[in-house]
Amino acid sequence: ISVRTVRDIVPALRKAIVTAQLGTPGPVFV
């Protein structure tokens, strides 16, 4: 994920954390 605006920082990090732990765990990049 590439964050483009300040308001998107928290939602992007929340989405990335959920994705990293969902199903088969793995790395995510923000």
ModelCIF file with pLDDT and N, C-alpha, C, O atoms, coordinates in Angstrom:
data_MODEL
#
_entry.id   MODEL 
#
_entity.id                         1 
_entity.type                       polymer 
_entity.pdbx_number_of_molecules   1 
#
_entity_poly.entity_id                      1 
_entity_poly.type                           'polypeptide(L)' 
_entity_poly.nstd_linkage                   no 
_entity_poly.nstd_monomer                   no 
_entity_poly.pdbx_seq_one_letter_code       ISVRTVRDIVPALRKAIVTAQLGTPGPVFV 
_entity_poly.pdbx_seq_one_letter_code_can   ISVRTVRDIVPALRKAIVTAQLGTPGPVFV 
_entity_poly.pdbx_strand_id                 A 
#
loop_
_entity_poly_seq.entity_id 
_entity_poly_seq.num 
_entity_poly_seq.mon_id 
_entity_poly_seq.hetero 
1 1  ILE n 
1 2  SER n 
1 3  VAL n 
1 4  ARG n 
1 5  THR n 
1 6  VAL n 
1 7  ARG n 
1 8  ASP n 
1 9  ILE n 
1 10 VAL n 
1 11 PRO n 
1 12 ALA n 
1 13 LEU n 
1 14 ARG n 
1 15 LYS n 
1 16 ALA n 
1 17 ILE n 
1 18 VAL n 
1 19 THR n 
1 20 ALA n 
1 21 GLN n 
1 22 LEU n 
1 23 GLY n 
1 24 THR n 
1 25 PRO n 
1 26 GLY n 
1 27 PRO n 
1 28 VAL n 
1 29 PHE n 
1 30 VAL n 
#
_struct_asym.id          A 
_struct_asym.entity_id   1 
#
loop_
_ma_qa_metric.id 
_ma_qa_metric.mode 
_ma_qa_metric.name 
_ma_qa_metric.software_group_id 
_ma_qa_metric.type 
1 global pLDDT . pLDDT 
2 local  pLDDT . pLDDT 
#
_ma_qa_metric_global.metric_id      1 
_ma_qa_metric_global.metric_value   94.03 
_ma_qa_metric_global.model_id       1 
_ma_qa_metric_global.ordinal_id     1 
#
loop_
_ma_qa_metric_local.label_asym_id 
_ma_qa_metric_local.label_comp_id 
_ma_qa_metric_local.label_seq_id 
_ma_qa_metric_local.metric_id 
_ma_qa_metric_local.metric_value 
_ma_qa_metric_local.model_id 
_ma_qa_metric_local.ordinal_id 
A ILE 1  2 96.00 1 1  
A SER 2  2 95.00 1 2  
A VAL 3  2 95.00 1 3  
A ARG 4  2 93.00 1 4  
A THR 5  2 92.00 1 5  
A VAL 6  2 92.00 1 6  
A ARG 7  2 92.00 1 7  
A ASP 8  2 93.00 1 8  
A ILE 9  2 94.00 1 9  
A VAL 10 2 93.00 1 10 
A PRO 11 2 94.00 1 11 
A ALA 12 2 96.00 1 12 
A LEU 13 2 96.00 1 13 
A ARG 14 2 94.00 1 14 
A LYS 15 2 95.00 1 15 
A ALA 16 2 96.00 1 16 
A ILE 17 2 95.00 1 17 
A VAL 18 2 93.00 1 18 
A THR 19 2 95.00 1 19 
A ALA 20 2 95.00 1 20 
A GLN 21 2 92.00 1 21 
A LEU 22 2 89.00 1 22 
A GLY 23 2 88.00 1 23 
A THR 24 2 90.00 1 24 
A PRO 25 2 93.00 1 25 
A GLY 26 2 96.00 1 26 
A PRO 27 2 97.00 1 27 
A VAL 28 2 98.00 1 28 
A PHE 29 2 97.00 1 29 
A VAL 30 2 97.00 1 30 
#
loop_
_atom_site.group_PDB 
_atom_site.id 
_atom_site.type_symbol 
_atom_site.label_atom_id 
_atom_site.label_alt_id 
_atom_site.label_comp_id 
_atom_site.label_asym_id 
_atom_site.label_entity_id 
_atom_site.label_seq_id 
_atom_site.pdbx_PDB_ins_code 
_atom_site.Cartn_x 
_atom_site.Cartn_y 
_atom_site.Cartn_z 
_atom_site.occupancy 
_atom_site.B_iso_or_equiv 
_atom_site.pdbx_formal_charge 
_atom_site.auth_seq_id 
_atom_site.auth_comp_id 
_atom_site.auth_asym_id 
_atom_site.auth_atom_id 
_atom_site.pdbx_PDB_model_num 
ATOM 1   N N  . ILE A 1 1  ? 0.849  -1.190  0.000  1.00 96.00 ? 1  ILE A N  1 
ATOM 2   C CA . ILE A 1 1  ? 0.000  0.000   0.000  1.00 96.00 ? 1  ILE A CA 1 
ATOM 3   C C  . ILE A 1 1  ? 0.884  1.240   0.000  1.00 96.00 ? 1  ILE A C  1 
ATOM 4   O O  . ILE A 1 1  ? 1.857  1.320   0.751  1.00 96.00 ? 1  ILE A O  1 
ATOM 5   N N  . SER A 1 2  ? 0.543  2.202   -0.843 1.00 95.00 ? 2  SER A N  1 
ATOM 6   C CA . SER A 1 2  ? 1.199  3.505   -0.800 1.00 95.00 ? 2  SER A CA 1 
ATOM 7   C C  . SER A 1 2  ? 0.172  4.523   -0.331 1.00 95.00 ? 2  SER A C  1 
ATOM 8   O O  . SER A 1 2  ? -0.858 4.717   -0.977 1.00 95.00 ? 2  SER A O  1 
ATOM 9   N N  . VAL A 1 3  ? 0.448  5.160   0.775  1.00 95.00 ? 3  VAL A N  1 
ATOM 10  C CA . VAL A 1 3  ? -0.467 6.148   1.345  1.00 95.00 ? 3  VAL A CA 1 
ATOM 11  C C  . VAL A 1 3  ? -0.281 7.466   0.598  1.00 95.00 ? 3  VAL A C  1 
ATOM 12  O O  . VAL A 1 3  ? 0.845  7.929   0.419  1.00 95.00 ? 3  VAL A O  1 
ATOM 13  N N  . ARG A 1 4  ? -1.382 8.066   0.165  1.00 93.00 ? 4  ARG A N  1 
ATOM 14  C CA . ARG A 1 4  ? -1.314 9.300   -0.630 1.00 93.00 ? 4  ARG A CA 1 
ATOM 15  C C  . ARG A 1 4  ? -1.774 10.543  0.120  1.00 93.00 ? 4  ARG A C  1 
ATOM 16  O O  . ARG A 1 4  ? -1.439 11.659  -0.276 1.00 93.00 ? 4  ARG A O  1 
ATOM 17  N N  . THR A 1 5  ? -2.538 10.367  1.198  1.00 92.00 ? 5  THR A N  1 
ATOM 18  C CA . THR A 1 5  ? -3.016 11.512  1.968  1.00 92.00 ? 5  THR A CA 1 
ATOM 19  C C  . THR A 1 5  ? -2.907 11.193  3.455  1.00 92.00 ? 5  THR A C  1 
ATOM 20  O O  . THR A 1 5  ? -2.862 10.028  3.851  1.00 92.00 ? 5  THR A O  1 
ATOM 21  N N  . VAL A 1 6  ? -2.864 12.232  4.264  1.00 92.00 ? 6  VAL A N  1 
ATOM 22  C CA . VAL A 1 6  ? -2.730 12.061  5.709  1.00 92.00 ? 6  VAL A CA 1 
ATOM 23  C C  . VAL A 1 6  ? -3.914 11.286  6.269  1.00 92.00 ? 6  VAL A C  1 
ATOM 24  O O  . VAL A 1 6  ? -3.734 10.438  7.143  1.00 92.00 ? 6  VAL A O  1 
ATOM 25  N N  . ARG A 1 7  ? -5.118 11.559  5.784  1.00 92.00 ? 7  ARG A N  1 
ATOM 26  C CA . ARG A 1 7  ? -6.317 10.885  6.314  1.00 92.00 ? 7  ARG A CA 1 
ATOM 27  C C  . ARG A 1 7  ? -6.302 9.379   6.047  1.00 92.00 ? 7  ARG A C  1 
ATOM 28  O O  . ARG A 1 7  ? -7.048 8.636   6.685  1.00 92.00 ? 7  ARG A O  1 
ATOM 29  N N  . ASP A 1 8  ? -5.471 8.921   5.120  1.00 93.00 ? 8  ASP A N  1 
ATOM 30  C CA . ASP A 1 8  ? -5.419 7.499   4.771  1.00 93.00 ? 8  ASP A CA 1 
ATOM 31  C C  . ASP A 1 8  ? -4.389 6.706   5.580  1.00 93.00 ? 8  ASP A C  1 
ATOM 32  O O  . ASP A 1 8  ? -4.306 5.487   5.433  1.00 93.00 ? 8  ASP A O  1 
ATOM 33  N N  . ILE A 1 9  ? -3.612 7.368   6.424  1.00 94.00 ? 9  ILE A N  1 
ATOM 34  C CA . ILE A 1 9  ? -2.566 6.657   7.176  1.00 94.00 ? 9  ILE A CA 1 
ATOM 35  C C  . ILE A 1 9  ? -3.172 5.586   8.089  1.00 94.00 ? 9  ILE A C  1 
ATOM 36  O O  . ILE A 1 9  ? -2.787 4.420   8.008  1.00 94.00 ? 9  ILE A O  1 
ATOM 37  N N  . VAL A 1 10 ? -4.102 5.966   8.945  1.00 93.00 ? 10 VAL A N  1 
ATOM 38  C CA . VAL A 1 10 ? -4.675 5.016   9.907  1.00 93.00 ? 10 VAL A CA 1 
ATOM 39  C C  . VAL A 1 10 ? -5.426 3.887   9.197  1.00 93.00 ? 10 VAL A C  1 
ATOM 40  O O  . VAL A 1 10 ? -5.194 2.723   9.523  1.00 93.00 ? 10 VAL A O  1 
ATOM 41  N N  . PRO A 1 11 ? -6.321 4.180   8.232  1.00 94.00 ? 11 PRO A N  1 
ATOM 42  C CA . PRO A 1 11 ? -6.999 3.067   7.547  1.00 94.00 ? 11 PRO A CA 1 
ATOM 43  C C  . PRO A 1 11 ? -6.032 2.136   6.812  1.00 94.00 ? 11 PRO A C  1 
ATOM 44  O O  . PRO A 1 11 ? -6.242 0.923   6.790  1.00 94.00 ? 11 PRO A O  1 
ATOM 45  N N  . ALA A 1 12 ? -4.987 2.683   6.218  1.00 96.00 ? 12 ALA A N  1 
ATOM 46  C CA . ALA A 1 12 ? -4.022 1.836   5.500  1.00 96.00 ? 12 ALA A CA 1 
ATOM 47  C C  . ALA A 1 12 ? -3.279 0.922   6.465  1.00 96.00 ? 12 ALA A C  1 
ATOM 48  O O  . ALA A 1 12 ? -3.079 -0.259  6.177  1.00 96.00 ? 12 ALA A O  1 
ATOM 49  N N  . LEU A 1 13 ? -2.870 1.463   7.608  1.00 96.00 ? 13 LEU A N  1 
ATOM 50  C CA . LEU A 1 13 ? -2.163 0.638   8.592  1.00 96.00 ? 13 LEU A CA 1 
ATOM 51  C C  . LEU A 1 13 ? -3.081 -0.425  9.188  1.00 96.00 ? 13 LEU A C  1 
ATOM 52  O O  . LEU A 1 13 ? -2.654 -1.560  9.399  1.00 96.00 ? 13 LEU A O  1 
ATOM 53  N N  . ARG A 1 14 ? -4.337 -0.070  9.463  1.00 94.00 ? 14 ARG A N  1 
ATOM 54  C CA . ARG A 1 14 ? -5.294 -1.053  9.992  1.00 94.00 ? 14 ARG A CA 1 
ATOM 55  C C  . ARG A 1 14 ? -5.521 -2.177  8.979  1.00 94.00 ? 14 ARG A C  1 
ATOM 56  O O  . ARG A 1 14 ? -5.531 -3.354  9.341  1.00 94.00 ? 14 ARG A O  1 
ATOM 57  N N  . LYS A 1 15 ? -5.704 -1.803  7.699  1.00 95.00 ? 15 LYS A N  1 
ATOM 58  C CA . LYS A 1 15 ? -5.913 -2.807  6.656  1.00 95.00 ? 15 LYS A CA 1 
ATOM 59  C C  . LYS A 1 15 ? -4.694 -3.716  6.536  1.00 95.00 ? 15 LYS A C  1 
ATOM 60  O O  . LYS A 1 15 ? -4.834 -4.933  6.413  1.00 95.00 ? 15 LYS A O  1 
ATOM 61  N N  . ALA A 1 16 ? -3.502 -3.130  6.573  1.00 96.00 ? 16 ALA A N  1 
ATOM 62  C CA . ALA A 1 16 ? -2.278 -3.916  6.441  1.00 96.00 ? 16 ALA A CA 1 
ATOM 63  C C  . ALA A 1 16 ? -2.122 -4.900  7.595  1.00 96.00 ? 16 ALA A C  1 
ATOM 64  O O  . ALA A 1 16 ? -1.747 -6.052  7.380  1.00 96.00 ? 16 ALA A O  1 
ATOM 65  N N  . ILE A 1 17 ? -2.404 -4.456  8.808  1.00 95.00 ? 17 ILE A N  1 
ATOM 66  C CA . ILE A 1 17 ? -2.266 -5.334  9.981  1.00 95.00 ? 17 ILE A CA 1 
ATOM 67  C C  . ILE A 1 17 ? -3.239 -6.508  9.892  1.00 95.00 ? 17 ILE A C  1 
ATOM 68  O O  . ILE A 1 17 ? -2.865 -7.650  10.156 1.00 95.00 ? 17 ILE A O  1 
ATOM 69  N N  . VAL A 1 18 ? -4.479 -6.224  9.523  1.00 93.00 ? 18 VAL A N  1 
ATOM 70  C CA . VAL A 1 18 ? -5.472 -7.294  9.374  1.00 93.00 ? 18 VAL A CA 1 
ATOM 71  C C  . VAL A 1 18 ? -5.025 -8.272  8.291  1.00 93.00 ? 18 VAL A C  1 
ATOM 72  O O  . VAL A 1 18 ? -5.104 -9.486  8.476  1.00 93.00 ? 18 VAL A O  1 
ATOM 73  N N  . THR A 1 19 ? -4.558 -7.746  7.170  1.00 95.00 ? 19 THR A N  1 
ATOM 74  C CA . THR A 1 19 ? -4.119 -8.598  6.055  1.00 95.00 ? 19 THR A CA 1 
ATOM 75  C C  . THR A 1 19 ? -2.939 -9.473  6.460  1.00 95.00 ? 19 THR A C  1 
ATOM 76  O O  . THR A 1 19 ? -2.888 -10.647 6.094  1.00 95.00 ? 19 THR A O  1 
ATOM 77  N N  . ALA A 1 20 ? -1.991 -8.919  7.211  1.00 95.00 ? 20 ALA A N  1 
ATOM 78  C CA . ALA A 1 20 ? -0.811 -9.688  7.638  1.00 95.00 ? 20 ALA A CA 1 
ATOM 79  C C  . ALA A 1 20 ? -1.194 -10.877 8.500  1.00 95.00 ? 20 ALA A C  1 
ATOM 80  O O  . ALA A 1 20 ? -0.531 -11.913 8.464  1.00 95.00 ? 20 ALA A O  1 
ATOM 81  N N  . GLN A 1 21 ? -2.271 -10.732 9.283  1.00 92.00 ? 21 GLN A N  1 
ATOM 82  C CA . GLN A 1 21 ? -2.656 -11.786 10.218 1.00 92.00 ? 21 GLN A CA 1 
ATOM 83  C C  . GLN A 1 21 ? -3.760 -12.692 9.693  1.00 92.00 ? 21 GLN A C  1 
ATOM 84  O O  . GLN A 1 21 ? -3.982 -13.769 10.247 1.00 92.00 ? 21 GLN A O  1 
ATOM 85  N N  . LEU A 1 22 ? -4.453 -12.286 8.648  1.00 89.00 ? 22 LEU A N  1 
ATOM 86  C CA . LEU A 1 22 ? -5.605 -13.028 8.133  1.00 89.00 ? 22 LEU A CA 1 
ATOM 87  C C  . LEU A 1 22 ? -5.163 -14.250 7.330  1.00 89.00 ? 22 LEU A C  1 
ATOM 88  O O  . LEU A 1 22 ? -4.204 -14.180 6.561  1.00 89.00 ? 22 LEU A O  1 
ATOM 89  N N  . GLY A 1 23 ? -5.856 -15.354 7.508  1.00 88.00 ? 23 GLY A N  1 
ATOM 90  C CA . GLY A 1 23 ? -5.532 -16.567 6.750  1.00 88.00 ? 23 GLY A CA 1 
ATOM 91  C C  . GLY A 1 23 ? -4.124 -17.019 7.062  1.00 88.00 ? 23 GLY A C  1 
ATOM 92  O O  . GLY A 1 23 ? -3.744 -17.142 8.227  1.00 88.00 ? 23 GLY A O  1 
ATOM 93  N N  . THR A 1 24 ? -3.352 -17.267 6.023  1.00 90.00 ? 24 THR A N  1 
ATOM 94  C CA . THR A 1 24 ? -1.949 -17.606 6.211  1.00 90.00 ? 24 THR A CA 1 
ATOM 95  C C  . THR A 1 24 ? -1.205 -16.312 6.517  1.00 90.00 ? 24 THR A C  1 
ATOM 96  O O  . THR A 1 24 ? -1.153 -15.419 5.672  1.00 90.00 ? 24 THR A O  1 
ATOM 97  N N  . PRO A 1 25 ? -0.631 -16.198 7.704  1.00 93.00 ? 25 PRO A N  1 
ATOM 98  C CA . PRO A 1 25 ? 0.062  -14.951 8.049  1.00 93.00 ? 25 PRO A CA 1 
ATOM 99  C C  . PRO A 1 25 ? 1.240  -14.690 7.115  1.00 93.00 ? 25 PRO A C  1 
ATOM 100 O O  . PRO A 1 25 ? 1.797  -15.615 6.522  1.00 93.00 ? 25 PRO A O  1 
ATOM 101 N N  . GLY A 1 26 ? 1.606  -13.426 6.995  1.00 96.00 ? 26 GLY A N  1 
ATOM 102 C CA . GLY A 1 26 ? 2.735  -13.062 6.154  1.00 96.00 ? 26 GLY A CA 1 
ATOM 103 C C  . GLY A 1 26 ? 3.023  -11.579 6.210  1.00 96.00 ? 26 GLY A C  1 
ATOM 104 O O  . GLY A 1 26 ? 2.335  -10.831 6.904  1.00 96.00 ? 26 GLY A O  1 
ATOM 105 N N  . PRO A 1 27 ? 4.044  -11.152 5.477  1.00 97.00 ? 27 PRO A N  1 
ATOM 106 C CA . PRO A 1 27 ? 4.439  -9.747  5.508  1.00 97.00 ? 27 PRO A CA 1 
ATOM 107 C C  . PRO A 1 27 ? 3.538  -8.861  4.644  1.00 97.00 ? 27 PRO A C  1 
ATOM 108 O O  . PRO A 1 27 ? 2.945  -9.316  3.666  1.00 97.00 ? 27 PRO A O  1 
ATOM 109 N N  . VAL A 1 28 ? 3.454  -7.605  5.024  1.00 98.00 ? 28 VAL A N  1 
ATOM 110 C CA . VAL A 1 28 ? 2.766  -6.566  4.256  1.00 98.00 ? 28 VAL A CA 1 
ATOM 111 C C  . VAL A 1 28 ? 3.686  -5.341  4.235  1.00 98.00 ? 28 VAL A C  1 
ATOM 112 O O  . VAL A 1 28 ? 4.524  -5.163  5.119  1.00 98.00 ? 28 VAL A O  1 
ATOM 113 N N  . PHE A 1 29 ? 3.514  -4.507  3.212  1.00 97.00 ? 29 PHE A N  1 
ATOM 114 C CA . PHE A 1 29 ? 4.358  -3.317  3.078  1.00 97.00 ? 29 PHE A CA 1 
ATOM 115 C C  . PHE A 1 29 ? 3.478  -2.084  2.940  1.00 97.00 ? 29 PHE A C  1 
ATOM 116 O O  . PHE A 1 29 ? 2.553  -2.056  2.129  1.00 97.00 ? 29 PHE A O  1 
ATOM 117 N N  . VAL A 1 30 ? 3.774  -1.067  3.740  1.00 97.00 ? 30 VAL A N  1 
ATOM 118 C CA . VAL A 1 30 ? 3.080  0.221   3.646  1.00 97.00 ? 30 VAL A CA 1 
ATOM 119 C C  . VAL A 1 30 ? 4.127  1.300   3.412  1.00 97.00 ? 30 VAL A C  1 
ATOM 120 O O  . VAL A 1 30 ? 3.787  2.477   3.298  1.00 97.00 ? 30 VAL A O  1 
#
